[in-house]
C-alpha atoms as a PDB file:
ATOM      1  CA  UNK A   1      23.054 -51.089 -24.841  1.00  0.00           C
ATOM      2  CA  UNK A   2      23.165 -48.330 -27.458  1.00  0.00           C
ATOM      3  CA  UNK A   3      19.423 -48.749 -27.970  1.00  0.00           C
ATOM      4  CA  UNK A   4      18.738 -48.091 -24.262  1.00  0.00           C
ATOM      5  CA  UNK A   5      20.820 -44.891 -24.383  1.00  0.00           C
ATOM      6  CA  UNK A   6      18.926 -43.720 -27.456  1.00  0.00           C
ATOM      7  CA  UNK A   7      15.556 -44.386 -25.802  1.00  0.00           C
ATOM      8  CA  UNK A   8      16.695 -42.555 -22.628  1.00  0.00           C
ATOM      9  CA  UNK A   9      17.941 -39.631 -24.699  1.00  0.00           C
ATOM     10  CA  UNK A  10      14.646 -39.334 -26.614  1.00  0.00           C
ATOM     11  CA  UNK A  11      12.597 -39.668 -23.388  1.00  0.00           C
ATOM     12  CA  UNK A  12      14.680 -36.912 -21.774  1.00  0.00           C
ATOM     13  CA  UNK A  13      14.075 -34.536 -24.695  1.00  0.00           C
ATOM     14  CA  UNK A  14      10.357 -35.316 -24.675  1.00  0.00           C
ATOM     15  CA  UNK A  15      10.299 -34.450 -20.958  1.00  0.00           C
ATOM     16  CA  UNK A  16      12.122 -31.147 -21.620  1.00  0.00           C
ATOM     17  CA  UNK A  17       9.640 -30.244 -24.382  1.00  0.00           C
ATOM     18  CA  UNK A  18       6.684 -31.099 -22.113  1.00  0.00           C
ATOM     19  CA  UNK A  19       8.050 -28.980 -19.249  1.00  0.00           C
ATOM     20  CA  UNK A  20       8.667 -26.076 -21.664  1.00  0.00           C
ATOM     21  CA  UNK A  21       5.040 -26.214 -22.834  1.00  0.00           C
ATOM     22  CA  UNK A  22       3.810 -26.247 -19.206  1.00  0.00           C
ATOM     23  CA  UNK A  23       6.000 -23.258 -18.242  1.00  0.00           C
ATOM     24  CA  UNK A  24       4.859 -21.253 -21.288  1.00  0.00           C
ATOM     25  CA  UNK A  25       1.237 -22.034 -20.409  1.00  0.00           C
ATOM     26  CA  UNK A  26       1.776 -20.786 -16.831  1.00  0.00           C
ATOM     27  CA  UNK A  27       3.460 -17.591 -18.053  1.00  0.00           C
ATOM     28  CA  UNK A  28       0.523 -16.971 -20.407  1.00  0.00           C
ATOM     29  CA  UNK A  29      -1.951 -17.449 -17.555  1.00  0.00           C
ATOM     30  CA  UNK A  30      -0.026 -14.959 -15.377  1.00  0.00           C
ATOM     31  CA  UNK A  31      -0.167 -12.449 -18.221  1.00  0.00           C
ATOM     32  CA  UNK A  32      -3.929 -12.915 -18.548  1.00  0.00           C
ATOM     33  CA  UNK A  33      -4.368 -12.446 -14.795  1.00  0.00           C
ATOM     34  CA  UNK A  34      -2.365  -9.190 -14.907  1.00  0.00           C
ATOM     35  CA  UNK A  35      -4.449  -7.909 -17.825  1.00  0.00           C
ATOM     36  CA  UNK A  36      -7.686  -8.783 -16.031  1.00  0.00           C
ATOM     37  CA  UNK A  37      -6.674  -7.145 -12.749  1.00  0.00           C
ATOM     38  CA  UNK A  38      -5.463  -3.960 -14.405  1.00  0.00           C
ATOM     39  CA  UNK A  39      -3.251  -1.213 -12.901  1.00  0.00           C
ATOM     40  CA  UNK A  40      -5.723  -0.199 -10.198  1.00  0.00           C
ATOM     41  CA  UNK A  41      -5.140  -3.500  -8.401  1.00  0.00           C
ATOM     42  CA  UNK A  42      -1.343  -3.396  -8.530  1.00  0.00           C
ATOM     43  CA  UNK A  43      -1.051  -2.619  -4.822  1.00  0.00           C
ATOM     44  CA  UNK A  44      -1.917  -5.049  -2.089  1.00  0.00           C
ATOM     45  CA  UNK A  45      -4.982  -3.696  -0.290  1.00  0.00           C
ATOM     46  CA  UNK A  46      -5.533  -5.462   3.036  1.00  0.00           C
ATOM     47  CA  UNK A  47      -8.862  -5.652   4.805  1.00  0.00           C
ATOM     48  CA  UNK A  48      -7.316  -4.062   7.897  1.00  0.00           C
ATOM     49  CA  UNK A  49      -6.921  -0.317   8.179  1.00  0.00           C
ATOM     50  CA  UNK A  50      -9.067   2.779   8.281  1.00  0.00           C
ATOM     51  CA  UNK A  51     -12.238   2.449   6.235  1.00  0.00           C
ATOM     52  CA  UNK A  52     -12.372   4.098   2.833  1.00  0.00           C
ATOM     53  CA  UNK A  53     -14.399   7.295   3.151  1.00  0.00           C
ATOM     54  CA  UNK A  54     -13.784   7.655   6.896  1.00  0.00           C
ATOM     55  CA  UNK A  55     -12.213  10.706   8.511  1.00  0.00           C
ATOM     56  CA  UNK A  56      -8.508  10.172   9.205  1.00  0.00           C
ATOM     57  CA  UNK A  57      -7.633  10.563  12.915  1.00  0.00           C
ATOM     58  CA  UNK A  58      -5.898  13.712  14.094  1.00  0.00           C
ATOM     59  CA  UNK A  59      -2.217  13.381  15.026  1.00  0.00           C
ATOM     60  CA  UNK A  60       0.612  15.490  16.438  1.00  0.00           C
ATOM     61  CA  UNK A  61       4.249  14.841  15.471  1.00  0.00           C
ATOM     62  CA  UNK A  62       7.509  16.668  14.819  1.00  0.00           C
ATOM     63  CA  UNK A  63       9.673  16.549  11.710  1.00  0.00           C
ATOM     64  CA  UNK A  64      13.008  15.045  12.848  1.00  0.00           C
ATOM     65  CA  UNK A  65      15.043  17.283  10.517  1.00  0.00           C
ATOM     66  CA  UNK A  66      13.373  20.701  10.533  1.00  0.00           C
ATOM     67  CA  UNK A  67      11.805  20.338  14.021  1.00  0.00           C
ATOM     68  CA  UNK A  68       8.497  21.606  12.599  1.00  0.00           C
ATOM     69  CA  UNK A  69       5.272  20.411  14.229  1.00  0.00           C
ATOM     70  CA  UNK A  70       2.754  18.644  12.020  1.00  0.00           C
ATOM     71  CA  UNK A  71      -0.859  17.639  12.499  1.00  0.00           C
ATOM     72  CA  UNK A  72      -3.653  16.476  10.239  1.00  0.00           C
ATOM     73  CA  UNK A  73      -5.275  19.914  10.175  1.00  0.00           C
ATOM     74  CA  UNK A  74      -2.077  21.453   8.762  1.00  0.00           C
ATOM     75  CA  UNK A  75      -2.262  19.043   5.808  1.00  0.00           C
ATOM     76  CA  UNK A  76      -5.858  19.822   4.887  1.00  0.00           C
ATOM     77  CA  UNK A  77      -6.509  21.927   1.792  1.00  0.00           C
ATOM     78  CA  UNK A  78      -4.914  19.525  -0.664  1.00  0.00           C
ATOM     79  CA  UNK A  79      -4.594  15.730  -0.969  1.00  0.00           C
ATOM     80  CA  UNK A  80      -2.031  13.961   1.210  1.00  0.00           C
ATOM     81  CA  UNK A  81      -0.101  10.710   1.109  1.00  0.00           C
ATOM     82  CA  UNK A  82       0.815   9.330   4.540  1.00  0.00           C
ATOM     83  CA  UNK A  83       3.507   6.642   4.307  1.00  0.00           C
ATOM     84  CA  UNK A  84       4.338   4.487   7.344  1.00  0.00           C
ATOM     85  CA  UNK A  85       7.857   3.016   7.419  1.00  0.00           C
ATOM     86  CA  UNK A  86      10.507   1.719   9.783  1.00  0.00           C
ATOM     87  CA  UNK A  87      14.315   2.025   9.491  1.00  0.00           C
ATOM     88  CA  UNK A  88      14.606  -1.683  10.375  1.00  0.00           C
ATOM     89  CA  UNK A  89      12.274  -2.697   7.530  1.00  0.00           C
ATOM     90  CA  UNK A  90      14.302  -3.627   4.437  1.00  0.00           C
ATOM     91  CA  UNK A  91      11.457  -3.026   1.925  1.00  0.00           C
ATOM     92  CA  UNK A  92      11.004   0.407   3.531  1.00  0.00           C
ATOM     93  CA  UNK A  93      14.655   1.307   2.935  1.00  0.00           C
ATOM     94  CA  UNK A  94      14.431   0.062  -0.657  1.00  0.00           C
ATOM     95  CA  UNK A  95      11.324   2.230  -1.111  1.00  0.00           C
ATOM     96  CA  UNK A  96      13.122   5.484  -0.138  1.00  0.00           C
ATOM     97  CA  UNK A  97      14.494   6.343  -3.638  1.00  0.00           C
ATOM     98  CA  UNK A  98      11.031   5.694  -5.105  1.00  0.00           C
ATOM     99  CA  UNK A  99       9.464   8.026  -2.527  1.00  0.00           C
ATOM    100  CA  UNK A 100      11.986  10.746  -3.448  1.00  0.00           C
ATOM    101  CA  UNK A 101      11.195  10.353  -7.183  1.00  0.00           C
ATOM    102  CA  UNK A 102       7.475  10.274  -6.476  1.00  0.00           C
ATOM    103  CA  UNK A 103       7.704  13.447  -4.371  1.00  0.00           C
ATOM    104  CA  UNK A 104       9.632  15.266  -7.119  1.00  0.00           C
ATOM    105  CA  UNK A 105       6.912  14.460  -9.650  1.00  0.00           C
ATOM    106  CA  UNK A 106       3.921  15.120  -7.364  1.00  0.00           C
ATOM    107  CA  UNK A 107       4.894  17.576  -4.582  1.00  0.00           C
ATOM    108  CA  UNK A 108       3.132  20.557  -6.184  1.00  0.00           C
ATOM    109  CA  UNK A 109      -0.248  18.815  -5.974  1.00  0.00           C
ATOM    110  CA  UNK A 110       0.161  16.502  -3.000  1.00  0.00           C
ATOM    111  CA  UNK A 111       1.426  16.529   0.596  1.00  0.00           C
ATOM    112  CA  UNK A 112       3.748  13.562   1.156  1.00  0.00           C
ATOM    113  CA  UNK A 113       4.599  12.723   4.780  1.00  0.00           C
ATOM    114  CA  UNK A 114       6.643   9.839   6.185  1.00  0.00           C
ATOM    115  CA  UNK A 115       5.865   8.306   9.606  1.00  0.00           C
ATOM    116  CA  UNK A 116       8.693   6.292  11.111  1.00  0.00           C
ATOM    117  CA  UNK A 117       8.385   3.871  14.024  1.00  0.00           C
ATOM    118  CA  UNK A 118      11.790   4.684  15.477  1.00  0.00           C
ATOM    119  CA  UNK A 119      13.605   7.228  17.614  1.00  0.00           C
ATOM    120  CA  UNK A 120      14.851  10.515  16.152  1.00  0.00           C
ATOM    121  CA  UNK A 121      18.419   9.199  15.852  1.00  0.00           C
ATOM    122  CA  UNK A 122      17.392   6.122  13.886  1.00  0.00           C
ATOM    123  CA  UNK A 123      15.132   8.245  11.714  1.00  0.00           C
ATOM    124  CA  UNK A 124      18.099  10.235  10.477  1.00  0.00           C
ATOM    125  CA  UNK A 125      18.801   7.288   8.163  1.00  0.00           C
ATOM    126  CA  UNK A 126      15.633   8.265   6.286  1.00  0.00           C
ATOM    127  CA  UNK A 127      16.342  11.953   5.768  1.00  0.00           C
ATOM    128  CA  UNK A 128      17.707  11.461   2.248  1.00  0.00           C
ATOM    129  CA  UNK A 129      14.119  11.973   1.104  1.00  0.00           C
ATOM    130  CA  UNK A 130      13.064  15.631   0.722  1.00  0.00           C
ATOM    131  CA  UNK A 131       9.840  15.227   2.696  1.00  0.00           C
ATOM    132  CA  UNK A 132       8.883  15.517   6.371  1.00  0.00           C
ATOM    133  CA  UNK A 133       9.924  12.483   8.441  1.00  0.00           C
ATOM    134  CA  UNK A 134       7.716  12.322  11.529  1.00  0.00           C
ATOM    135  CA  UNK A 135       8.894  10.261  14.473  1.00  0.00           C
ATOM    136  CA  UNK A 136       6.457   7.809  16.089  1.00  0.00           C
ATOM    137  CA  UNK A 137       8.720   5.767  18.424  1.00  0.00           C
ATOM    138  CA  UNK A 138       5.897   4.606  20.695  1.00  0.00           C
ATOM    139  CA  UNK A 139       3.810   3.575  17.697  1.00  0.00           C
ATOM    140  CA  UNK A 140       0.901   5.741  18.879  1.00  0.00           C
ATOM    141  CA  UNK A 141       0.049   7.194  15.475  1.00  0.00           C
ATOM    142  CA  UNK A 142       0.718   3.854  13.798  1.00  0.00           C
ATOM    143  CA  UNK A 143      -1.814   2.130  16.066  1.00  0.00           C
ATOM    144  CA  UNK A 144      -4.418   4.864  15.641  1.00  0.00           C
ATOM    145  CA  UNK A 145      -4.066   4.498  11.857  1.00  0.00           C
ATOM    146  CA  UNK A 146      -4.348   0.694  12.200  1.00  0.00           C
ATOM    147  CA  UNK A 147      -1.051   0.010  10.423  1.00  0.00           C
ATOM    148  CA  UNK A 148       0.152  -3.553  11.073  1.00  0.00           C
ATOM    149  CA  UNK A 149       2.811  -3.897   8.345  1.00  0.00           C
ATOM    150  CA  UNK A 150       5.231  -1.510   6.685  1.00  0.00           C
ATOM    151  CA  UNK A 151       5.635   0.062   4.188  1.00  0.00           C
ATOM    152  CA  UNK A 152       1.974   1.061   4.274  1.00  0.00           C
ATOM    153  CA  UNK A 153       0.315   4.199   2.912  1.00  0.00           C
ATOM    154  CA  UNK A 154      -2.949   6.120   3.005  1.00  0.00           C
ATOM    155  CA  UNK A 155      -4.141   8.663   0.470  1.00  0.00           C
ATOM    156  CA  UNK A 156      -6.333  11.349   1.979  1.00  0.00           C
ATOM    157  CA  UNK A 157      -8.364  13.931   0.104  1.00  0.00           C
ATOM    158  CA  UNK A 158      -8.167  17.658   0.819  1.00  0.00           C
ATOM    159  CA  UNK A 159     -10.662  17.251   3.697  1.00  0.00           C
ATOM    160  CA  UNK A 160      -8.689  14.487   5.397  1.00  0.00           C
ATOM    161  CA  UNK A 161     -10.954  11.620   4.292  1.00  0.00           C
ATOM    162  CA  UNK A 162      -9.365   8.246   3.483  1.00  0.00           C
ATOM    163  CA  UNK A 163      -9.589   7.568  -0.263  1.00  0.00           C
ATOM    164  CA  UNK A 164      -7.123   4.691  -0.728  1.00  0.00           C
ATOM    165  CA  UNK A 165      -4.845   2.472   1.368  1.00  0.00           C
ATOM    166  CA  UNK A 166      -2.336  -0.264   0.698  1.00  0.00           C
ATOM    167  CA  UNK A 167       1.082  -1.801   1.065  1.00  0.00           C
ATOM    168  CA  UNK A 168       3.599   0.027  -1.118  1.00  0.00           C
ATOM    169  CA  UNK A 169       6.866  -1.507  -2.286  1.00  0.00           C
ATOM    170  CA  UNK A 170       7.724   0.441  -5.446  1.00  0.00           C
ATOM    171  CA  UNK A 171       7.068   3.613  -7.447  1.00  0.00           C
ATOM    172  CA  UNK A 172       4.121   2.052  -9.310  1.00  0.00           C
ATOM    173  CA  UNK A 173       2.434   1.259  -5.987  1.00  0.00           C
ATOM    174  CA  UNK A 174       2.699   4.911  -4.955  1.00  0.00           C
ATOM    175  CA  UNK A 175       1.196   5.953  -8.300  1.00  0.00           C
ATOM    176  CA  UNK A 176      -1.625   3.408  -7.900  1.00  0.00           C
ATOM    177  CA  UNK A 177      -2.641   5.036  -4.627  1.00  0.00           C
ATOM    178  CA  UNK A 178      -3.630   8.149  -6.576  1.00  0.00           C
ATOM    179  CA  UNK A 179      -6.240   6.259  -8.609  1.00  0.00           C
ATOM    180  CA  UNK A 180      -9.758   5.985  -7.219  1.00  0.00           C
ATOM    181  CA  UNK A 181     -11.285   2.540  -6.967  1.00  0.00           C
ATOM    182  CA  UNK A 182     -15.087   2.320  -6.909  1.00  0.00           C
ATOM    183  CA  UNK A 183     -16.427   1.284  -3.504  1.00  0.00           C
ATOM    184  CA  UNK A 184     -19.085  -1.409  -3.744  1.00  0.00           C
ATOM    185  CA  UNK A 185     -21.721  -1.131  -1.067  1.00  0.00           C
ATOM    186  CA  UNK A 186     -23.006  -4.278   0.579  1.00  0.00           C
ATOM    187  CA  UNK A 187     -26.775  -4.237   0.608  1.00  0.00           C
ATOM    188  CA  UNK A 188     -28.204  -5.524   3.875  1.00  0.00           C
ATOM    189  CA  UNK A 189     -31.853  -6.482   4.065  1.00  0.00           C
ATOM    190  CA  UNK A 190     -33.376  -4.926   7.160  1.00  0.00           C
ATOM    191  CA  UNK A 191     -36.062  -6.806   9.118  1.00  0.00           C
ATOM    192  CA  UNK A 192     -39.606  -5.587   8.585  1.00  0.00           C
ATOM    193  CA  UNK A 193     -40.923  -3.234  11.259  1.00  0.00           C
ATOM    194  CA  UNK A 194     -43.300  -4.725  13.784  1.00  0.00           C
ATOM    195  CA  UNK A 195     -45.533  -2.418  15.814  1.00  0.00           C
ATOM    196  CA  UNK A 196     -45.774  -3.966  19.293  1.00  0.00           C
ATOM    197  CA  UNK A 197     -47.888  -1.120  20.664  1.00  0.00           C
ATOM    198  CA  UNK A 198     -51.094  -2.305  19.003  1.00  0.00           C
ATOM    199  CA  UNK A 199     -53.463  -4.306  21.125  1.00  0.00           C
ATOM    200  CA  UNK A 200     -54.787  -7.611  19.839  1.00  0.00           C
END
């Protein structure tokens, strides 16, 4: 009987060692993937949304705190970060302190504006950030900007052109939006021109 216990004990330790080796191998692979992707891919960039390089749509909205009217034209002249959130979205609420820290480090070079899909009263939960909170209760601006999930952000250049987009969950994601990613153009072979006006 003692021999069976000893064999079981040894087999159990061999299994633990094997599982440890597998876990360490997986951790190493994750590290290699992170190194290969690099910091510019740290945000999730969905295929949906305004196209990179396109003109951002005009909008009209009012800051829920200062009652100041905002539109896209008023933001032109320097780069802007448009962040779409909702007070009922838990990741959005967890993002608020990061937005405040980001604004403090970048506000001299960048417009940062928050769009919230809620009424003015509900938006007051978001006013702990020192940036404009624009109310979009009907989701009009959100739909025009093709935002389907929050928190989502666009970086616009000083002319209002879309330069980056993505889902943002932390400070590093906000920083990643400021980095340009090269746009690869898809080459499409056009059909050869046929002149049908010539007579046979």
